[in-house]
Amino acid sequence: MWLHDVIVEDAILYDLAARTKEEALAELVGALEKAGRLSRPEEAVRDLIVRERAGGTGVGGGIAIPHACTGAVHQPMAAIGRSGAGIDFNAFDGSKAHYIFLLLNGTGGDTLQLRILARLAKLIREQDLAGCLRESFTGKTFLDLFEERERILGEIESGKDLPSV
């Protein structure tokens, strides 16, 4: 499975209007809904907020990875946002998130969710995903850069629980 296949091109937002974590989650989930990938956005936002209350998803360095397993989706999907002002996702280093990688997965997909999060963290750390967003100005350009960097690492390890996307 390739992570770039779960990113919804029409849900890559380069200028988030959101100023709060909750607004950012709603805006990114709204982009997934508008792209036709999500029919129950309120449920997805609720599950993301519950997850955020359990512990902030700011990973430092201006990056956040909000994520949730939710009954609102049946397969993994991701939306990405860039915020010039930055949004507080309770990062350990106190930095505001300028790059937000939102991930949704179906309920019961915890193992898959962990694999995807591990891959995303590795790409952020080793392949400068924030740089991809800085260098690109369209969803297509970002996905091309993302795919190029992901191919260096190879596919996410196969398993019975991995869907074909």
N, C-alpha and C. Protein backbone atom coordinates (compact mmCIF):
# COMPACT_ATOMS: atom_id res chain seq x y z
N MET A 1 0.84 -1.18 0.00
CA MET A 1 0.00 0.00 0.00
C MET A 1 0.89 1.25 0.00
N TRP A 2 0.48 2.21 -0.76
CA TRP A 2 1.21 3.48 -0.83
C TRP A 2 0.41 4.56 -0.11
N LEU A 3 1.07 5.31 0.73
CA LEU A 3 0.41 6.39 1.47
C LEU A 3 -0.10 7.47 0.52
N HIS A 4 0.62 7.73 -0.56
CA HIS A 4 0.16 8.78 -1.47
C HIS A 4 -1.19 8.46 -2.09
N ASP A 5 -1.58 7.18 -2.08
CA ASP A 5 -2.88 6.80 -2.62
C ASP A 5 -4.04 7.18 -1.70
N VAL A 6 -3.78 7.44 -0.43
CA VAL A 6 -4.87 7.80 0.49
C VAL A 6 -5.05 9.32 0.60
N ILE A 7 -4.12 10.09 0.06
CA ILE A 7 -4.24 11.55 0.09
C ILE A 7 -5.22 11.98 -1.00
N VAL A 8 -6.22 12.75 -0.62
CA VAL A 8 -7.23 13.23 -1.55
C VAL A 8 -6.74 14.56 -2.13
N GLU A 9 -6.45 14.54 -3.43
CA GLU A 9 -5.86 15.73 -4.08
C GLU A 9 -6.70 16.98 -3.87
N ASP A 10 -8.02 16.85 -3.97
CA ASP A 10 -8.90 18.02 -3.80
C ASP A 10 -9.03 18.45 -2.34
N ALA A 11 -8.39 17.73 -1.43
CA ALA A 11 -8.42 18.09 -0.01
C ALA A 11 -7.04 18.53 0.46
N ILE A 12 -6.25 19.07 -0.46
CA ILE A 12 -4.97 19.69 -0.11
C ILE A 12 -5.21 21.19 -0.17
N LEU A 13 -5.22 21.82 0.99
CA LEU A 13 -5.57 23.24 1.10
C LEU A 13 -4.33 24.05 1.46
N TYR A 14 -4.02 25.01 0.61
CA TYR A 14 -2.78 25.78 0.77
C TYR A 14 -2.92 27.03 1.63
N ASP A 15 -4.14 27.41 1.94
CA ASP A 15 -4.32 28.63 2.73
C ASP A 15 -5.52 28.44 3.66
N LEU A 16 -5.29 27.69 4.73
CA LEU A 16 -6.38 27.45 5.68
C LEU A 16 -6.87 28.76 6.27
N ALA A 17 -8.18 28.92 6.35
CA ALA A 17 -8.78 30.09 6.99
C ALA A 17 -8.85 29.90 8.50
N ALA A 18 -8.79 28.66 8.94
CA ALA A 18 -8.93 28.30 10.36
C ALA A 18 -7.89 29.00 11.23
N ARG A 19 -8.32 29.33 12.45
CA ARG A 19 -7.41 29.92 13.43
C ARG A 19 -7.29 29.05 14.68
N THR A 20 -8.22 28.09 14.81
CA THR A 20 -8.17 27.18 15.96
C THR A 20 -8.07 25.74 15.46
N LYS A 21 -7.69 24.87 16.36
CA LYS A 21 -7.58 23.45 16.05
C LYS A 21 -8.93 22.91 15.55
N GLU A 22 -10.00 23.24 16.25
CA GLU A 22 -11.33 22.75 15.87
C GLU A 22 -11.74 23.25 14.49
N GLU A 23 -11.45 24.52 14.21
CA GLU A 23 -11.77 25.08 12.89
C GLU A 23 -10.95 24.39 11.80
N ALA A 24 -9.69 24.10 12.08
CA ALA A 24 -8.84 23.43 11.10
C ALA A 24 -9.35 22.03 10.80
N LEU A 25 -9.73 21.29 11.84
CA LEU A 25 -10.26 19.95 11.64
C LEU A 25 -11.53 20.01 10.79
N ALA A 26 -12.43 20.94 11.10
CA ALA A 26 -13.67 21.08 10.34
C ALA A 26 -13.40 21.48 8.89
N GLU A 27 -12.44 22.36 8.68
CA GLU A 27 -12.13 22.82 7.32
C GLU A 27 -11.54 21.69 6.47
N LEU A 28 -10.64 20.92 7.05
CA LEU A 28 -10.04 19.81 6.31
C LEU A 28 -11.05 18.68 6.06
N VAL A 29 -11.86 18.37 7.06
CA VAL A 29 -12.91 17.36 6.87
C VAL A 29 -13.91 17.86 5.82
N GLY A 30 -14.23 19.14 5.85
CA GLY A 30 -15.12 19.72 4.84
C GLY A 30 -14.57 19.56 3.43
N ALA A 31 -13.25 19.66 3.29
CA ALA A 31 -12.63 19.46 1.97
C ALA A 31 -12.79 18.01 1.52
N LEU A 32 -12.68 17.07 2.44
CA LEU A 32 -12.90 15.66 2.10
C LEU A 32 -14.35 15.43 1.68
N GLU A 33 -15.28 16.09 2.38
CA GLU A 33 -16.70 15.98 2.03
C GLU A 33 -16.94 16.57 0.64
N LYS A 34 -16.41 17.76 0.41
CA LYS A 34 -16.60 18.43 -0.88
C LYS A 34 -16.01 17.60 -2.03
N ALA A 35 -14.94 16.86 -1.74
CA ALA A 35 -14.32 16.01 -2.76
C ALA A 35 -15.11 14.72 -2.98
N GLY A 36 -16.20 14.54 -2.22
CA GLY A 36 -17.04 13.37 -2.40
C GLY A 36 -16.54 12.12 -1.70
N ARG A 37 -15.65 12.28 -0.74
CA ARG A 37 -15.05 11.13 -0.07
C ARG A 37 -15.63 10.85 1.31
N LEU A 38 -16.53 11.71 1.77
CA LEU A 38 -17.02 11.61 3.14
C LEU A 38 -18.46 12.10 3.19
N SER A 39 -19.35 11.29 3.75
CA SER A 39 -20.76 11.70 3.80
C SER A 39 -21.22 12.10 5.20
N ARG A 40 -20.41 11.80 6.22
CA ARG A 40 -20.79 12.14 7.59
C ARG A 40 -19.70 12.97 8.26
N PRO A 41 -19.52 14.21 7.79
CA PRO A 41 -18.42 15.03 8.29
C PRO A 41 -18.52 15.35 9.78
N GLU A 42 -19.75 15.53 10.29
CA GLU A 42 -19.90 15.86 11.71
C GLU A 42 -19.33 14.75 12.59
N GLU A 43 -19.57 13.50 12.20
CA GLU A 43 -19.06 12.37 12.97
C GLU A 43 -17.53 12.34 12.93
N ALA A 44 -16.97 12.59 11.75
CA ALA A 44 -15.50 12.59 11.62
C ALA A 44 -14.88 13.68 12.48
N VAL A 45 -15.45 14.89 12.44
CA VAL A 45 -14.92 15.99 13.24
C VAL A 45 -15.04 15.66 14.73
N ARG A 46 -16.18 15.12 15.13
CA ARG A 46 -16.37 14.75 16.54
C ARG A 46 -15.30 13.76 16.99
N ASP A 47 -15.05 12.73 16.16
CA ASP A 47 -14.06 11.72 16.53
C ASP A 47 -12.64 12.29 16.56
N LEU A 48 -12.35 13.23 15.67
CA LEU A 48 -11.04 13.89 15.69
C LEU A 48 -10.87 14.72 16.96
N ILE A 49 -11.92 15.43 17.35
CA ILE A 49 -11.85 16.25 18.56
C ILE A 49 -11.68 15.38 19.80
N VAL A 50 -12.40 14.26 19.85
CA VAL A 50 -12.23 13.32 20.97
C VAL A 50 -10.79 12.84 21.03
N ARG A 51 -10.21 12.52 19.88
CA ARG A 51 -8.81 12.07 19.82
C ARG A 51 -7.87 13.17 20.29
N GLU A 52 -8.12 14.41 19.88
CA GLU A 52 -7.28 15.54 20.29
C GLU A 52 -7.33 15.75 21.80
N ARG A 53 -8.49 15.53 22.39
CA ARG A 53 -8.61 15.69 23.85
C ARG A 53 -7.80 14.64 24.60
N ALA A 54 -7.60 13.50 23.97
CA ALA A 54 -6.81 12.43 24.58
C ALA A 54 -5.32 12.77 24.58
N GLY A 55 -4.92 13.67 23.71
CA GLY A 55 -3.52 14.08 23.61
C GLY A 55 -3.30 14.83 22.32
N GLY A 56 -2.64 15.96 22.40
CA GLY A 56 -2.40 16.78 21.21
C GLY A 56 -1.63 16.03 20.14
N THR A 57 -1.89 16.37 18.90
CA THR A 57 -1.24 15.69 17.78
C THR A 57 -0.20 16.58 17.09
N GLY A 58 0.18 17.68 17.74
CA GLY A 58 1.29 18.47 17.24
C GLY A 58 2.58 17.70 17.50
N VAL A 59 3.36 17.48 16.45
CA VAL A 59 4.59 16.68 16.61
C VAL A 59 5.84 17.54 16.68
N GLY A 60 5.66 18.87 16.67
CA GLY A 60 6.79 19.78 16.74
C GLY A 60 7.25 20.19 15.36
N GLY A 61 8.10 21.18 15.35
CA GLY A 61 8.65 21.66 14.08
C GLY A 61 7.61 22.26 13.15
N GLY A 62 6.47 22.71 13.70
CA GLY A 62 5.44 23.33 12.88
C GLY A 62 4.53 22.33 12.18
N ILE A 63 4.49 21.09 12.66
CA ILE A 63 3.70 20.04 12.01
C ILE A 63 2.74 19.40 13.00
N ALA A 64 1.52 19.10 12.53
CA ALA A 64 0.53 18.35 13.31
C ALA A 64 -0.01 17.21 12.45
N ILE A 65 -0.33 16.11 13.13
CA ILE A 65 -0.90 14.95 12.43
C ILE A 65 -2.17 14.52 13.17
N PRO A 66 -3.25 15.31 13.08
CA PRO A 66 -4.49 14.89 13.71
C PRO A 66 -5.01 13.63 13.01
N HIS A 67 -5.52 12.69 13.79
CA HIS A 67 -5.95 11.42 13.22
C HIS A 67 -7.02 10.79 14.10
N ALA A 68 -7.85 9.96 13.47
CA ALA A 68 -8.87 9.24 14.23
C ALA A 68 -9.36 8.06 13.42
N CYS A 69 -9.74 7.01 14.13
CA CYS A 69 -10.50 5.92 13.54
C CYS A 69 -11.96 6.29 13.76
N THR A 70 -12.76 6.24 12.71
CA THR A 70 -14.13 6.74 12.78
C THR A 70 -15.06 5.91 11.91
N GLY A 71 -16.29 5.80 12.33
CA GLY A 71 -17.31 5.14 11.52
C GLY A 71 -17.73 5.97 10.32
N ALA A 72 -17.21 7.18 10.21
CA ALA A 72 -17.56 8.06 9.09
C ALA A 72 -16.87 7.67 7.79
N VAL A 73 -15.84 6.80 7.87
CA VAL A 73 -15.13 6.37 6.66
C VAL A 73 -14.97 4.85 6.67
N HIS A 74 -14.76 4.30 5.50
CA HIS A 74 -14.57 2.85 5.38
C HIS A 74 -13.17 2.48 4.91
N GLN A 75 -12.42 3.46 4.47
CA GLN A 75 -11.04 3.24 4.07
C GLN A 75 -10.22 4.46 4.45
N PRO A 76 -8.91 4.30 4.57
CA PRO A 76 -8.09 5.44 4.98
C PRO A 76 -8.13 6.56 3.95
N MET A 77 -8.10 7.78 4.47
CA MET A 77 -8.02 8.95 3.60
C MET A 77 -7.34 10.08 4.35
N ALA A 78 -6.72 10.96 3.60
CA ALA A 78 -5.98 12.06 4.22
C ALA A 78 -6.27 13.38 3.52
N ALA A 79 -6.27 14.43 4.31
CA ALA A 79 -6.36 15.80 3.83
C ALA A 79 -5.15 16.53 4.40
N ILE A 80 -4.71 17.55 3.70
CA ILE A 80 -3.51 18.28 4.12
C ILE A 80 -3.79 19.77 4.04
N GLY A 81 -3.33 20.49 5.05
CA GLY A 81 -3.53 21.93 5.06
C GLY A 81 -2.26 22.68 5.44
N ARG A 82 -2.16 23.88 4.91
CA ARG A 82 -1.05 24.78 5.24
C ARG A 82 -1.65 26.05 5.84
N SER A 83 -1.10 26.49 6.97
CA SER A 83 -1.58 27.68 7.65
C SER A 83 -0.43 28.66 7.83
N GLY A 84 -0.57 29.83 7.25
CA GLY A 84 0.47 30.85 7.39
C GLY A 84 0.62 31.31 8.83
N ALA A 85 -0.50 31.50 9.52
CA ALA A 85 -0.47 31.99 10.90
C ALA A 85 -0.07 30.91 11.89
N GLY A 86 -0.33 29.67 11.55
CA GLY A 86 -0.06 28.57 12.46
C GLY A 86 -1.23 28.34 13.41
N ILE A 87 -1.39 27.09 13.83
CA ILE A 87 -2.50 26.69 14.69
C ILE A 87 -1.94 25.85 15.83
N ASP A 88 -2.43 26.09 17.03
CA ASP A 88 -1.95 25.37 18.21
C ASP A 88 -2.54 23.96 18.27
N PHE A 89 -1.69 22.95 18.10
CA PHE A 89 -2.07 21.55 18.24
C PHE A 89 -1.34 20.91 19.43
N ASN A 90 -0.96 21.75 20.39
CA ASN A 90 -0.31 21.27 21.63
C ASN A 90 0.96 20.47 21.36
N ALA A 91 1.83 21.00 20.52
CA ALA A 91 3.10 20.32 20.22
C ALA A 91 4.01 20.36 21.43
N PHE A 92 4.83 19.35 21.58
CA PHE A 92 5.76 19.26 22.72
C PHE A 92 6.74 20.42 22.75
N ASP A 93 7.07 20.98 21.57
CA ASP A 93 8.03 22.08 21.53
C ASP A 93 7.35 23.45 21.59
N GLY A 94 6.02 23.46 21.73
CA GLY A 94 5.27 24.71 21.83
C GLY A 94 5.02 25.40 20.51
N SER A 95 5.51 24.84 19.40
CA SER A 95 5.34 25.49 18.10
C SER A 95 3.91 25.33 17.59
N LYS A 96 3.47 26.33 16.84
CA LYS A 96 2.19 26.24 16.16
C LYS A 96 2.39 25.43 14.88
N ALA A 97 1.34 24.72 14.48
CA ALA A 97 1.41 23.91 13.27
C ALA A 97 1.11 24.77 12.04
N HIS A 98 2.04 24.76 11.11
CA HIS A 98 1.84 25.41 9.82
C HIS A 98 1.48 24.38 8.76
N TYR A 99 1.79 23.12 9.02
CA TYR A 99 1.52 22.02 8.10
C TYR A 99 0.73 20.96 8.85
N ILE A 100 -0.48 20.67 8.36
CA ILE A 100 -1.38 19.76 9.06
C ILE A 100 -1.71 18.59 8.13
N PHE A 101 -1.36 17.40 8.57
CA PHE A 101 -1.62 16.17 7.82
C PHE A 101 -2.72 15.42 8.56
N LEU A 102 -3.97 15.53 8.10
CA LEU A 102 -5.12 14.91 8.76
C LEU A 102 -5.37 13.53 8.18
N LEU A 103 -5.51 12.56 9.05
CA LEU A 103 -5.72 11.17 8.62
C LEU A 103 -6.96 10.60 9.27
N LEU A 104 -7.83 9.99 8.44
CA LEU A 104 -9.01 9.28 8.93
C LEU A 104 -8.92 7.84 8.48
N ASN A 105 -9.35 6.94 9.35
CA ASN A 105 -9.40 5.53 9.02
C ASN A 105 -10.67 4.96 9.64
N GLY A 106 -11.17 3.87 9.09
CA GLY A 106 -12.37 3.25 9.61
C GLY A 106 -12.16 2.65 10.99
N THR A 107 -13.26 2.42 11.70
CA THR A 107 -13.17 1.80 13.01
C THR A 107 -12.63 0.38 12.86
N GLY A 108 -11.90 -0.04 13.84
CA GLY A 108 -11.29 -1.37 13.78
C GLY A 108 -10.02 -1.41 12.96
N GLY A 109 -9.58 -0.25 12.47
CA GLY A 109 -8.38 -0.19 11.64
C GLY A 109 -7.17 0.33 12.39
N ASP A 110 -7.09 0.02 13.68
CA ASP A 110 -6.00 0.56 14.50
C ASP A 110 -4.62 0.15 14.02
N THR A 111 -4.46 -1.11 13.61
CA THR A 111 -3.15 -1.59 13.14
C THR A 111 -2.75 -0.83 11.88
N LEU A 112 -3.68 -0.69 10.97
CA LEU A 112 -3.40 0.05 9.74
C LEU A 112 -3.09 1.51 10.07
N GLN A 113 -3.87 2.09 10.97
CA GLN A 113 -3.65 3.48 11.36
C GLN A 113 -2.23 3.67 11.88
N LEU A 114 -1.77 2.76 12.71
CA LEU A 114 -0.41 2.85 13.26
C LEU A 114 0.64 2.74 12.15
N ARG A 115 0.43 1.87 11.20
CA ARG A 115 1.38 1.74 10.08
C ARG A 115 1.43 3.02 9.25
N ILE A 116 0.26 3.58 8.99
CA ILE A 116 0.21 4.81 8.20
C ILE A 116 0.87 5.95 8.97
N LEU A 117 0.57 6.08 10.26
CA LEU A 117 1.19 7.13 11.07
C LEU A 117 2.71 6.98 11.13
N ALA A 118 3.17 5.75 11.25
CA ALA A 118 4.62 5.51 11.28
C ALA A 118 5.25 5.92 9.96
N ARG A 119 4.61 5.58 8.85
CA ARG A 119 5.13 5.96 7.53
C ARG A 119 5.14 7.47 7.37
N LEU A 120 4.05 8.11 7.77
CA LEU A 120 3.97 9.56 7.65
C LEU A 120 5.05 10.23 8.49
N ALA A 121 5.24 9.77 9.71
CA ALA A 121 6.29 10.34 10.57
C ALA A 121 7.67 10.17 9.95
N LYS A 122 7.91 9.01 9.36
CA LYS A 122 9.20 8.76 8.71
C LYS A 122 9.40 9.69 7.51
N LEU A 123 8.36 9.89 6.73
CA LEU A 123 8.44 10.79 5.58
C LEU A 123 8.68 12.23 6.03
N ILE A 124 8.01 12.63 7.09
CA ILE A 124 8.20 13.99 7.60
C ILE A 124 9.64 14.16 8.07
N ARG A 125 10.14 13.19 8.79
CA ARG A 125 11.48 13.26 9.37
C ARG A 125 12.58 13.12 8.32
N GLU A 126 12.44 12.15 7.42
CA GLU A 126 13.53 11.83 6.50
C GLU A 126 13.39 12.44 5.11
N GLN A 127 12.18 12.79 4.71
CA GLN A 127 11.97 13.24 3.34
C GLN A 127 11.40 14.66 3.24
N ASP A 128 11.35 15.39 4.33
CA ASP A 128 10.96 16.81 4.34
C ASP A 128 9.62 17.08 3.65
N LEU A 129 8.55 16.49 4.20
CA LEU A 129 7.23 16.73 3.63
C LEU A 129 6.81 18.19 3.73
N ALA A 130 7.21 18.88 4.80
CA ALA A 130 6.89 20.30 4.89
C ALA A 130 7.52 21.04 3.70
N GLY A 131 8.72 20.63 3.32
CA GLY A 131 9.37 21.21 2.15
C GLY A 131 8.58 20.97 0.88
N CYS A 132 7.96 19.80 0.77
CA CYS A 132 7.10 19.51 -0.40
C CYS A 132 5.97 20.53 -0.48
N LEU A 133 5.37 20.84 0.67
CA LEU A 133 4.28 21.81 0.68
C LEU A 133 4.78 23.22 0.38
N ARG A 134 5.99 23.54 0.84
CA ARG A 134 6.56 24.86 0.54
C ARG A 134 6.87 24.99 -0.94
N GLU A 135 7.32 23.90 -1.56
CA GLU A 135 7.75 23.93 -2.96
C GLU A 135 6.60 23.82 -3.95
N SER A 136 5.45 23.36 -3.52
CA SER A 136 4.35 23.13 -4.45
C SER A 136 3.22 24.12 -4.21
N PHE A 137 2.47 24.36 -5.26
CA PHE A 137 1.35 25.30 -5.17
C PHE A 137 0.04 24.71 -5.67
N THR A 138 0.08 23.43 -6.04
CA THR A 138 -1.15 22.72 -6.41
C THR A 138 -1.11 21.35 -5.77
N GLY A 139 -2.29 20.77 -5.60
CA GLY A 139 -2.36 19.43 -5.04
C GLY A 139 -1.61 18.42 -5.89
N LYS A 140 -1.69 18.55 -7.20
CA LYS A 140 -1.01 17.62 -8.11
C LYS A 140 0.50 17.70 -7.93
N THR A 141 1.03 18.91 -7.87
CA THR A 141 2.47 19.08 -7.68
C THR A 141 2.92 18.47 -6.36
N PHE A 142 2.15 18.72 -5.29
CA PHE A 142 2.49 18.15 -3.99
C PHE A 142 2.48 16.63 -4.06
N LEU A 143 1.44 16.05 -4.65
CA LEU A 143 1.35 14.59 -4.72
C LEU A 143 2.50 14.00 -5.52
N ASP A 144 2.91 14.67 -6.59
CA ASP A 144 4.06 14.19 -7.37
C ASP A 144 5.33 14.19 -6.51
N LEU A 145 5.58 15.28 -5.78
CA LEU A 145 6.75 15.36 -4.90
C LEU A 145 6.66 14.33 -3.78
N PHE A 146 5.47 14.18 -3.21
CA PHE A 146 5.24 13.22 -2.13
C PHE A 146 5.53 11.80 -2.62
N GLU A 147 4.97 11.45 -3.78
CA GLU A 147 5.16 10.10 -4.32
C GLU A 147 6.64 9.83 -4.58
N GLU A 148 7.33 10.80 -5.13
CA GLU A 148 8.76 10.65 -5.41
C GLU A 148 9.53 10.34 -4.12
N ARG A 149 9.21 11.04 -3.06
CA ARG A 149 9.89 10.82 -1.78
C ARG A 149 9.47 9.50 -1.13
N GLU A 150 8.19 9.16 -1.27
CA GLU A 150 7.71 7.92 -0.66
C GLU A 150 8.32 6.69 -1.35
N ARG A 151 8.50 6.75 -2.64
CA ARG A 151 9.04 5.60 -3.37
C ARG A 151 10.46 5.25 -2.89
N ILE A 152 11.17 6.22 -2.35
CA ILE A 152 12.49 5.95 -1.78
C ILE A 152 12.38 4.94 -0.64
N LEU A 153 11.29 5.02 0.12
CA LEU A 153 11.09 4.14 1.28
C LEU A 153 10.41 2.82 0.92
N GLY A 154 9.75 2.76 -0.22
CA GLY A 154 9.02 1.55 -0.60
C GLY A 154 7.62 1.53 -0.01
N GLU A 155 6.87 0.51 -0.39
CA GLU A 155 5.49 0.39 0.06
C GLU A 155 5.40 0.13 1.56
N ILE A 156 4.25 0.49 2.13
CA ILE A 156 3.98 0.15 3.52
C ILE A 156 3.85 -1.37 3.58
N GLU A 157 4.42 -1.95 4.61
CA GLU A 157 4.42 -3.41 4.78
C GLU A 157 3.02 -3.98 4.59
N SER A 158 2.94 -5.04 3.81
CA SER A 158 1.65 -5.68 3.55
C SER A 158 1.14 -6.39 4.78
N GLY A 159 -0.14 -6.56 4.81
CA GLY A 159 -0.78 -7.27 5.90
C GLY A 159 -2.22 -7.56 5.53
N LYS A 160 -2.84 -8.50 6.22
CA LYS A 160 -4.22 -8.87 5.92
C LYS A 160 -5.16 -7.69 6.06
N ASP A 161 -4.82 -6.77 6.96
CA ASP A 161 -5.74 -5.67 7.25
C ASP A 161 -5.56 -4.48 6.32
N LEU A 162 -4.64 -4.57 5.36
CA LEU A 162 -4.41 -3.44 4.47
C LEU A 162 -5.38 -3.50 3.30
N PRO A 163 -6.13 -2.42 3.08
CA PRO A 163 -7.05 -2.40 1.94
C PRO A 163 -6.29 -2.10 0.67
N SER A 164 -6.90 -2.42 -0.45
CA SER A 164 -6.32 -1.98 -1.71
C SER A 164 -7.00 -0.66 -2.04
N VAL A 165 -6.21 0.40 -2.08
CA VAL A 165 -6.77 1.73 -2.35
C VAL A 165 -6.23 2.25 -3.67
